[in-house]
N, C-alpha and C. Protein backbone atom coordinates (compact mmCIF):
# COMPACT_ATOMS: atom_id res chain seq x y z
N MET A 1 26.80 -7.96 5.01
CA MET A 1 26.56 -7.59 3.60
C MET A 1 25.60 -6.50 3.54
N ASP A 2 25.58 -5.66 2.36
CA ASP A 2 24.88 -4.36 2.26
C ASP A 2 23.44 -4.69 2.16
N PHE A 3 23.16 -5.59 1.24
CA PHE A 3 21.79 -5.89 0.89
C PHE A 3 20.93 -6.20 2.28
N GLU A 4 21.71 -6.61 3.30
CA GLU A 4 20.91 -6.94 4.56
C GLU A 4 20.45 -5.75 5.37
N GLU A 5 21.30 -4.79 5.18
CA GLU A 5 20.64 -3.44 5.84
C GLU A 5 19.66 -2.85 5.11
N GLU A 6 19.73 -2.73 3.75
CA GLU A 6 18.64 -2.36 2.84
C GLU A 6 17.34 -3.13 3.01
N TYR A 7 17.49 -4.31 3.13
CA TYR A 7 16.38 -5.28 3.39
C TYR A 7 15.73 -4.77 4.76
N LYS A 8 16.62 -4.71 5.80
CA LYS A 8 16.13 -4.36 7.21
C LYS A 8 15.40 -2.99 6.96
N LYS A 9 15.67 -1.98 6.26
CA LYS A 9 15.08 -0.80 6.38
C LYS A 9 13.85 -0.79 5.57
N ASN A 10 13.91 -1.69 4.48
CA ASN A 10 12.70 -1.86 3.73
C ASN A 10 11.61 -2.49 4.48
N ARG A 11 12.01 -3.63 5.07
CA ARG A 11 11.03 -4.42 5.83
C ARG A 11 10.51 -3.52 6.95
N THR A 12 11.26 -2.55 7.63
CA THR A 12 10.62 -1.69 8.58
C THR A 12 9.76 -0.66 8.01
N ALA A 13 9.89 -0.33 6.83
CA ALA A 13 9.16 0.66 6.14
C ALA A 13 7.88 -0.04 5.66
N MET A 14 7.87 -1.29 5.30
CA MET A 14 6.79 -2.10 4.92
C MET A 14 5.90 -2.35 6.11
N LYS A 15 6.30 -2.53 7.20
CA LYS A 15 5.58 -2.71 8.60
C LYS A 15 4.97 -1.40 9.00
N LYS A 16 5.60 -0.17 8.70
CA LYS A 16 4.98 0.99 8.95
C LYS A 16 3.99 1.30 8.06
N CYS A 17 4.12 0.91 6.76
CA CYS A 17 2.95 1.24 5.72
C CYS A 17 1.74 0.47 6.14
N LYS A 18 2.00 -0.69 6.52
CA LYS A 18 0.71 -1.73 6.91
C LYS A 18 0.15 -1.14 8.17
N LYS A 19 0.79 -0.59 9.06
CA LYS A 19 0.15 0.09 10.34
C LYS A 19 -0.52 1.14 9.88
N THR A 20 0.08 1.92 8.91
CA THR A 20 -0.72 3.16 8.50
C THR A 20 -2.01 2.90 7.69
N GLU A 21 -1.87 1.93 6.92
CA GLU A 21 -3.11 1.36 6.21
C GLU A 21 -4.15 1.05 7.24
N THR A 22 -3.84 0.40 8.19
CA THR A 22 -4.87 0.04 9.28
C THR A 22 -5.51 1.08 10.00
N LEU A 23 -4.63 2.23 10.26
CA LEU A 23 -5.27 3.31 10.92
C LEU A 23 -5.90 4.05 10.09
N ILE A 24 -5.75 4.34 8.77
CA ILE A 24 -6.42 5.03 7.81
C ILE A 24 -7.73 4.32 7.51
N PHE A 25 -7.70 3.03 7.52
CA PHE A 25 -8.88 2.29 7.22
C PHE A 25 -9.80 2.65 8.42
N ILE A 26 -9.39 2.46 9.73
CA ILE A 26 -10.17 2.75 10.77
C ILE A 26 -10.77 4.12 10.74
N VAL A 27 -10.16 5.10 10.41
CA VAL A 27 -10.55 6.47 10.29
C VAL A 27 -11.55 6.66 9.36
N PHE A 28 -11.34 5.94 8.16
CA PHE A 28 -12.65 6.04 7.04
C PHE A 28 -13.63 5.32 7.49
N ALA A 29 -13.58 4.07 8.22
CA ALA A 29 -14.60 3.33 8.65
C ALA A 29 -15.51 4.12 9.85
N LEU A 30 -14.87 4.86 10.52
CA LEU A 30 -15.34 5.62 11.59
C LEU A 30 -16.40 6.88 10.72
N ASN A 31 -15.71 7.34 9.89
CA ASN A 31 -16.38 8.48 8.92
C ASN A 31 -17.73 7.83 8.32
N ILE A 32 -17.46 6.59 7.94
CA ILE A 32 -18.73 5.83 7.34
C ILE A 32 -19.76 5.91 8.32
N ALA A 33 -19.51 5.64 9.59
CA ALA A 33 -20.51 5.62 10.75
C ALA A 33 -21.10 6.89 10.84
N VAL A 34 -20.27 7.91 11.03
CA VAL A 34 -20.83 9.41 11.14
C VAL A 34 -21.67 9.84 9.82
N ALA A 35 -21.16 9.38 8.73
CA ALA A 35 -22.24 9.78 7.58
C ALA A 35 -23.52 9.00 7.47
N GLY A 36 -23.45 7.70 8.11
CA GLY A 36 -24.62 6.91 8.25
C GLY A 36 -25.60 7.48 9.23
N PHE A 37 -25.07 8.11 10.22
CA PHE A 37 -25.63 8.84 11.28
C PHE A 37 -26.51 10.05 10.63
N TYR A 38 -25.66 10.82 9.69
CA TYR A 38 -26.17 11.96 9.05
C TYR A 38 -27.28 11.56 8.03
N LEU A 39 -27.18 10.13 7.51
CA LEU A 39 -28.15 9.71 6.55
C LEU A 39 -29.56 9.40 7.23
N LEU A 40 -29.30 8.95 8.66
CA LEU A 40 -30.68 8.85 9.35
C LEU A 40 -31.16 10.04 9.76
N LEU A 41 -30.38 11.27 9.91
CA LEU A 41 -30.83 12.55 10.18
C LEU A 41 -31.70 13.18 8.92
N ALA A 42 -31.07 12.59 7.71
CA ALA A 42 -31.76 13.16 6.43
C ALA A 42 -33.14 12.71 6.14
N ILE A 43 -33.57 11.68 6.98
CA ILE A 43 -34.99 11.31 6.77
C ILE A 43 -35.91 12.52 7.28
N SER A 44 -35.51 13.37 8.01
CA SER A 44 -36.26 14.70 8.26
C SER A 44 -36.39 15.60 7.15
N GLY A 45 -35.51 15.41 5.96
CA GLY A 45 -35.63 16.13 4.83
C GLY A 45 -34.62 17.29 4.82
N ASP A 46 -33.80 17.32 5.62
CA ASP A 46 -32.86 18.39 5.63
C ASP A 46 -31.93 18.40 4.58
N LEU A 47 -31.68 19.17 3.66
CA LEU A 47 -30.86 19.09 2.60
C LEU A 47 -29.38 18.88 2.91
N LEU A 48 -29.04 19.82 3.93
CA LEU A 48 -27.80 19.74 4.31
C LEU A 48 -27.26 18.46 5.08
N CYS A 49 -28.04 17.64 5.54
CA CYS A 49 -27.81 16.59 6.14
C CYS A 49 -27.72 15.50 4.98
N ILE A 50 -28.44 15.55 3.94
CA ILE A 50 -28.07 14.69 2.82
C ILE A 50 -26.90 14.88 2.08
N ILE A 51 -26.66 16.14 1.83
CA ILE A 51 -25.32 16.50 1.21
C ILE A 51 -24.15 15.92 2.11
N ILE A 52 -24.20 16.19 3.34
CA ILE A 52 -23.20 15.66 4.48
C ILE A 52 -22.86 14.14 4.36
N SER A 53 -24.14 13.50 4.31
CA SER A 53 -24.10 11.98 4.14
C SER A 53 -23.64 11.46 2.94
N VAL A 54 -24.10 11.99 1.69
CA VAL A 54 -23.34 11.55 0.52
C VAL A 54 -21.94 11.89 0.28
N LEU A 55 -21.55 13.13 0.68
CA LEU A 55 -20.11 13.27 0.81
C LEU A 55 -19.28 12.36 1.53
N GLY A 56 -19.72 12.22 2.74
CA GLY A 56 -19.06 11.40 3.75
C GLY A 56 -18.99 9.95 3.14
N LEU A 57 -20.20 9.40 2.87
CA LEU A 57 -20.13 8.03 2.26
C LEU A 57 -19.25 7.87 0.98
N ALA A 58 -19.40 8.70 0.01
CA ALA A 58 -18.53 8.76 -1.09
C ALA A 58 -17.17 8.82 -0.76
N GLY A 59 -16.70 9.86 0.11
CA GLY A 59 -15.33 10.08 0.44
C GLY A 59 -14.77 8.84 1.04
N SER A 60 -15.53 8.36 2.06
CA SER A 60 -14.86 7.04 2.76
C SER A 60 -14.65 5.99 1.79
N ALA A 61 -15.79 5.73 0.99
CA ALA A 61 -15.69 4.55 0.23
C ALA A 61 -14.57 4.79 -0.70
N LEU A 62 -14.36 5.99 -1.35
CA LEU A 62 -13.17 6.10 -2.20
C LEU A 62 -11.91 6.13 -1.26
N GLY A 63 -11.78 6.63 -0.04
CA GLY A 63 -10.47 6.34 0.88
C GLY A 63 -10.26 4.76 1.13
N ILE A 64 -11.32 4.09 1.58
CA ILE A 64 -11.12 2.58 1.79
C ILE A 64 -10.72 2.09 0.55
N LEU A 65 -11.31 2.46 -0.67
CA LEU A 65 -10.88 1.69 -2.02
C LEU A 65 -9.29 2.10 -2.17
N SER A 66 -8.95 3.36 -1.98
CA SER A 66 -7.49 3.84 -2.14
C SER A 66 -6.69 2.96 -1.34
N VAL A 67 -7.09 2.74 -0.06
CA VAL A 67 -6.19 2.02 0.72
C VAL A 67 -6.02 0.57 0.51
N HIS A 68 -7.21 -0.08 -0.31
CA HIS A 68 -7.18 -1.63 -0.63
C HIS A 68 -6.38 -1.71 -2.05
N LYS A 69 -6.62 -0.63 -2.94
CA LYS A 69 -5.93 -0.83 -4.24
C LYS A 69 -4.64 -0.18 -4.28
N LYS A 70 -4.27 0.63 -3.31
CA LYS A 70 -3.05 1.47 -3.35
C LYS A 70 -2.95 2.38 -4.57
N ASP A 71 -4.05 3.17 -4.65
CA ASP A 71 -4.25 4.01 -6.01
C ASP A 71 -4.34 5.60 -5.41
N SER A 72 -3.14 6.38 -5.65
CA SER A 72 -3.29 7.75 -5.35
C SER A 72 -4.32 8.62 -5.79
N ALA A 73 -4.81 8.37 -7.04
CA ALA A 73 -5.84 9.25 -7.42
C ALA A 73 -7.10 8.99 -6.55
N LEU A 74 -7.41 7.91 -6.14
CA LEU A 74 -8.62 7.74 -5.32
C LEU A 74 -8.37 8.17 -3.98
N ALA A 75 -7.01 8.29 -3.53
CA ALA A 75 -6.75 8.84 -2.16
C ALA A 75 -6.94 10.39 -2.26
N ILE A 76 -6.62 11.05 -3.27
CA ILE A 76 -6.78 12.50 -3.51
C ILE A 76 -8.35 12.63 -3.43
N ALA A 77 -9.04 12.09 -4.26
CA ALA A 77 -10.41 12.33 -4.59
C ALA A 77 -11.30 11.86 -3.22
N GLY A 78 -10.65 10.82 -2.48
CA GLY A 78 -11.48 10.47 -1.02
C GLY A 78 -11.19 11.76 -0.01
N GLY A 79 -9.83 12.16 -0.06
CA GLY A 79 -9.53 13.06 0.77
C GLY A 79 -10.21 14.51 0.55
N VAL A 80 -10.46 14.84 -0.64
CA VAL A 80 -11.02 16.13 -1.14
C VAL A 80 -12.55 16.04 -0.49
N LEU A 81 -13.25 14.70 -0.78
CA LEU A 81 -14.58 14.61 -0.50
C LEU A 81 -14.82 14.62 1.15
N ILE A 82 -13.78 14.01 1.65
CA ILE A 82 -14.02 13.90 3.26
C ILE A 82 -13.75 15.25 3.82
N ILE A 83 -12.89 16.19 3.22
CA ILE A 83 -12.60 17.47 3.66
C ILE A 83 -13.75 18.38 3.32
N ALA A 84 -14.70 18.12 2.31
CA ALA A 84 -15.75 18.91 1.77
C ALA A 84 -16.82 18.49 2.85
N GLU A 85 -16.95 17.22 3.20
CA GLU A 85 -17.94 16.90 4.17
C GLU A 85 -17.72 17.44 5.47
N VAL A 86 -16.61 17.50 5.91
CA VAL A 86 -16.31 17.99 7.24
C VAL A 86 -16.47 19.57 7.24
N GLY A 87 -16.20 20.10 6.09
CA GLY A 87 -16.31 21.64 6.00
C GLY A 87 -17.86 21.92 6.12
N ALA A 88 -18.71 21.29 5.35
CA ALA A 88 -19.96 21.33 5.20
C ALA A 88 -20.68 21.14 6.64
N MET A 89 -20.32 20.15 7.10
CA MET A 89 -20.78 19.83 8.65
C MET A 89 -20.53 20.83 9.59
N PHE A 90 -19.43 21.48 9.55
CA PHE A 90 -18.95 22.29 10.77
C PHE A 90 -19.22 23.86 10.34
N PHE A 91 -19.02 24.07 9.09
CA PHE A 91 -19.07 25.49 8.56
C PHE A 91 -20.29 26.15 8.12
N SER A 92 -21.35 25.15 8.18
CA SER A 92 -22.52 25.55 7.51
C SER A 92 -23.30 26.76 8.31
N ASP A 93 -23.01 26.63 9.54
CA ASP A 93 -23.73 27.84 10.42
C ASP A 93 -22.75 28.86 10.84
N GLY A 94 -21.61 28.81 10.40
CA GLY A 94 -20.46 29.83 10.78
C GLY A 94 -19.16 29.25 11.16
N PHE A 95 -18.41 29.89 11.70
CA PHE A 95 -17.08 29.58 11.99
C PHE A 95 -17.04 28.61 13.29
N SER A 96 -16.38 27.65 13.42
CA SER A 96 -16.46 26.74 14.48
C SER A 96 -14.91 26.19 14.73
N VAL A 97 -14.62 26.27 15.84
CA VAL A 97 -13.08 25.89 16.24
C VAL A 97 -12.96 24.20 16.02
N LEU A 98 -14.02 23.67 16.43
CA LEU A 98 -14.18 22.06 16.26
C LEU A 98 -14.12 21.94 14.74
N GLY A 99 -14.60 22.65 13.96
CA GLY A 99 -14.42 22.42 12.37
C GLY A 99 -13.20 22.57 12.00
N VAL A 100 -12.56 23.57 12.52
CA VAL A 100 -11.06 23.75 12.05
C VAL A 100 -10.27 22.51 12.41
N VAL A 101 -10.54 22.12 13.60
CA VAL A 101 -9.59 20.91 14.23
C VAL A 101 -10.10 19.74 13.33
N GLU A 102 -11.30 19.57 12.92
CA GLU A 102 -11.74 18.22 12.10
C GLU A 102 -11.17 18.45 10.83
N VAL A 103 -11.35 19.49 10.27
CA VAL A 103 -10.81 19.80 8.81
C VAL A 103 -9.33 19.44 8.82
N ALA A 104 -8.44 20.03 9.92
CA ALA A 104 -7.14 19.72 10.05
C ALA A 104 -6.58 18.20 10.11
N VAL A 105 -7.60 17.53 10.90
CA VAL A 105 -7.26 16.12 11.27
C VAL A 105 -7.55 15.25 10.03
N PHE A 106 -8.63 15.56 9.25
CA PHE A 106 -8.89 14.77 7.88
C PHE A 106 -8.04 15.13 6.87
N THR A 107 -7.48 16.38 6.90
CA THR A 107 -6.49 16.79 5.87
C THR A 107 -5.25 15.94 5.99
N TYR A 108 -4.99 15.94 7.23
CA TYR A 108 -3.67 15.24 7.99
C TYR A 108 -3.87 13.63 7.39
N PHE A 109 -4.75 13.05 7.51
CA PHE A 109 -4.91 11.68 7.12
C PHE A 109 -5.24 11.60 5.58
N ALA A 110 -5.85 12.43 4.89
CA ALA A 110 -5.62 12.45 3.51
C ALA A 110 -4.39 12.50 2.98
N VAL A 111 -3.49 13.36 3.46
CA VAL A 111 -2.09 13.69 3.08
C VAL A 111 -1.38 12.39 3.24
N TYR A 112 -1.59 11.85 4.50
CA TYR A 112 -0.84 10.75 4.95
C TYR A 112 -1.12 9.43 4.39
N ASN A 113 -2.33 9.33 3.82
CA ASN A 113 -2.86 8.22 2.91
C ASN A 113 -2.03 8.33 1.61
N PHE A 114 -1.95 9.53 1.11
CA PHE A 114 -1.32 9.65 -0.25
C PHE A 114 -0.05 9.26 -0.06
N LEU A 115 0.69 9.95 0.93
CA LEU A 115 2.28 9.59 1.11
C LEU A 115 2.39 8.23 1.27
N ASN A 116 1.55 7.43 2.04
CA ASN A 116 1.77 6.01 2.40
C ASN A 116 1.63 5.17 1.11
N ILE A 117 0.69 5.58 0.19
CA ILE A 117 0.53 4.85 -1.03
C ILE A 117 1.76 5.22 -1.98
N LYS A 118 2.20 6.29 -2.00
CA LYS A 118 3.56 6.69 -2.61
C LYS A 118 4.70 5.69 -2.17
N LYS A 119 4.92 5.95 -0.84
CA LYS A 119 6.10 5.01 -0.12
C LYS A 119 5.87 3.44 -0.54
N TYR A 120 4.55 2.92 -0.56
CA TYR A 120 4.37 1.50 -0.84
C TYR A 120 4.63 1.28 -2.39
N ARG A 121 4.45 2.14 -3.20
CA ARG A 121 4.75 2.06 -4.48
C ARG A 121 6.22 2.10 -4.83
N TRP A 122 7.05 2.82 -3.97
CA TRP A 122 8.23 2.91 -4.08
C TRP A 122 8.86 1.36 -3.60
N LEU A 123 8.25 0.77 -2.48
CA LEU A 123 8.78 -0.30 -2.11
C LEU A 123 8.65 -1.58 -2.94
N GLU A 124 7.60 -1.34 -3.75
CA GLU A 124 7.26 -2.47 -4.78
C GLU A 124 8.28 -2.36 -5.76
N GLN A 125 9.01 -1.38 -6.02
CA GLN A 125 9.94 -1.38 -6.96
C GLN A 125 11.42 -1.95 -6.48
N GLN A 126 11.44 -2.20 -5.12
CA GLN A 126 12.79 -2.60 -4.51
C GLN A 126 12.78 -4.09 -4.51
N ASP A 127 14.22 -4.42 -4.61
CA ASP A 127 14.52 -5.88 -4.63
C ASP A 127 13.98 -6.44 -3.30
N GLY A 128 13.42 -7.63 -3.43
CA GLY A 128 12.91 -8.36 -2.28
C GLY A 128 11.66 -8.19 -1.83
N PHE A 129 10.66 -7.39 -2.50
CA PHE A 129 9.46 -7.16 -2.26
C PHE A 129 8.51 -8.39 -2.17
N PRO A 130 7.70 -8.58 -1.47
CA PRO A 130 7.08 -7.87 -0.27
C PRO A 130 7.83 -8.17 1.11
N ASN A 131 8.41 -9.36 1.14
CA ASN A 131 9.05 -10.00 2.45
C ASN A 131 10.44 -9.15 2.85
N PHE A 132 11.25 -8.82 1.86
CA PHE A 132 12.50 -8.30 2.20
C PHE A 132 13.43 -9.15 3.15
N GLU A 133 13.37 -10.44 2.66
CA GLU A 133 14.08 -11.48 3.54
C GLU A 133 15.51 -11.74 2.96
N PRO A 134 16.59 -11.36 3.71
CA PRO A 134 17.87 -11.62 3.27
C PRO A 134 18.25 -13.11 2.99
N ARG A 135 17.87 -14.09 3.72
CA ARG A 135 18.08 -15.31 3.62
C ARG A 135 17.61 -15.88 2.08
N LEU A 136 16.28 -15.43 1.81
CA LEU A 136 15.68 -15.73 0.59
C LEU A 136 16.69 -15.23 -0.76
N LYS A 137 17.13 -13.95 -0.44
CA LYS A 137 17.86 -13.50 -1.53
C LYS A 137 19.25 -14.21 -1.60
N GLU A 138 19.81 -14.64 -0.66
CA GLU A 138 21.09 -15.41 -0.40
C GLU A 138 20.90 -16.77 -1.16
N TYR A 139 19.66 -17.45 -1.01
CA TYR A 139 19.27 -18.65 -1.44
C TYR A 139 19.14 -18.57 -3.02
N ASP A 140 18.47 -17.46 -3.41
CA ASP A 140 18.42 -17.24 -4.86
C ASP A 140 19.70 -17.02 -5.55
N MET A 141 20.79 -16.36 -4.90
CA MET A 141 22.16 -16.09 -5.33
C MET A 141 22.82 -17.34 -5.48
N ASP A 142 22.78 -18.21 -4.47
CA ASP A 142 23.34 -19.57 -4.38
C ASP A 142 22.89 -20.41 -5.38
N ARG A 143 21.52 -20.43 -5.75
CA ARG A 143 20.92 -21.19 -6.75
C ARG A 143 21.44 -20.91 -8.14
N ALA A 144 21.37 -19.48 -8.30
CA ALA A 144 21.80 -18.85 -9.53
C ALA A 144 23.33 -19.43 -9.90
N GLN A 145 24.14 -19.32 -8.82
CA GLN A 145 25.52 -19.53 -8.97
C GLN A 145 25.65 -21.04 -9.31
N ARG A 146 24.81 -21.85 -8.60
CA ARG A 146 25.08 -23.46 -8.81
C ARG A 146 24.69 -23.68 -10.35
N SER A 147 23.81 -22.90 -11.00
CA SER A 147 23.49 -23.13 -12.29
C SER A 147 24.34 -22.88 -13.43
N ILE A 148 25.37 -21.87 -12.87
CA ILE A 148 26.42 -21.51 -13.76
C ILE A 148 27.55 -22.60 -13.61
N LYS A 149 27.87 -23.16 -14.99
CA LYS A 149 28.87 -24.03 -15.15
C LYS A 149 30.08 -23.56 -15.45
N ASP A 150 31.31 -23.77 -15.17
CA ASP A 150 32.48 -23.37 -15.73
C ASP A 150 32.78 -24.20 -16.97
N PRO A 151 33.55 -23.61 -17.89
CA PRO A 151 34.02 -24.29 -19.20
C PRO A 151 34.37 -25.84 -18.97
N TYR A 152 35.27 -26.01 -18.06
CA TYR A 152 35.85 -27.33 -17.82
C TYR A 152 34.63 -28.45 -17.62
N ALA A 153 33.76 -27.95 -16.69
CA ALA A 153 32.67 -28.88 -16.40
C ALA A 153 31.77 -29.16 -17.51
N GLN A 154 31.66 -28.35 -18.42
CA GLN A 154 30.90 -28.25 -19.61
C GLN A 154 31.50 -29.41 -20.55
N LYS A 155 32.83 -29.14 -20.74
CA LYS A 155 33.54 -30.09 -21.62
C LYS A 155 33.61 -31.39 -21.23
N MET A 156 33.70 -31.50 -19.88
CA MET A 156 33.78 -32.94 -19.29
C MET A 156 32.22 -33.68 -19.43
N GLU A 157 31.12 -32.90 -19.41
CA GLU A 157 29.73 -33.43 -19.58
C GLU A 157 29.77 -33.63 -21.08
N GLU A 158 30.18 -32.98 -22.03
CA GLU A 158 30.11 -33.29 -23.38
C GLU A 158 30.88 -34.64 -23.68
N MET A 159 32.10 -34.66 -23.27
CA MET A 159 32.80 -35.80 -23.35
C MET A 159 32.23 -37.17 -22.80
N LYS A 160 31.67 -37.07 -21.75
CA LYS A 160 30.95 -38.19 -21.11
C LYS A 160 29.56 -38.48 -21.92
N ALA A 161 29.08 -37.61 -22.59
CA ALA A 161 27.74 -37.83 -23.55
C ALA A 161 28.23 -38.48 -24.69
N ASN A 162 29.32 -38.11 -25.23
CA ASN A 162 29.88 -38.57 -26.57
C ASN A 162 30.42 -40.03 -26.45
N ASN A 163 31.07 -40.19 -25.28
CA ASN A 163 31.93 -41.31 -25.18
C ASN A 163 31.10 -42.61 -25.16
N SER A 164 31.38 -43.60 -25.98
CA SER A 164 30.81 -44.89 -25.91
C SER A 164 31.41 -45.60 -24.73
N HIS A 165 30.65 -46.32 -23.92
CA HIS A 165 31.10 -47.11 -22.78
C HIS A 165 31.82 -48.35 -23.09
N GLU A 166 32.16 -48.64 -24.30
CA GLU A 166 32.78 -49.83 -24.52
C GLU A 166 34.07 -49.51 -25.04
N MET A 167 35.00 -50.55 -24.83
CA MET A 167 36.46 -50.26 -25.22
C MET A 167 36.68 -50.87 -26.79
N GLN A 168 37.00 -49.97 -27.66
CA GLN A 168 37.22 -50.59 -28.74
C GLN A 168 38.53 -51.23 -28.98
N GLU A 169 38.56 -52.47 -29.81
CA GLU A 169 39.96 -53.03 -30.01
C GLU A 169 40.63 -52.18 -30.98
N LEU A 170 41.94 -52.38 -30.66
CA LEU A 170 42.83 -51.86 -31.61
C LEU A 170 43.28 -52.69 -32.59
């Protein structure tokens, strides 16, 4: 059947979305740890450490919230804040190769998060969401088919309902 292939593709895409969500969640959790470290450094009163920690915590919180709620606007906002945090962290004293790599990595994850949410929203619109199980679809189709009665069966039921079960004398 045709829908079985479609369900198989959608089920595979759904598993990939779940793996991606887990990976993105781990990246944002690690960034929270880095921002927490900078928050500890901010005790010394360094304004740059305070800015980096606030940007990191806010961006990671928005990123985790976007993964949880599957919201594209939160994903974009979280990505922008994370990229701003990494930029402030590595480019405050000048150009750094490590800074370029970090900005590229977090930009990749921000875009990947947005595209993953977009793919998940598309999968939500597909038939069979969230399990994409062909046997469940076949069961639903069979159940719907059994509930449809042909006109002959309807007429027989009406006759049986209206029929008095006693023989009348002639």
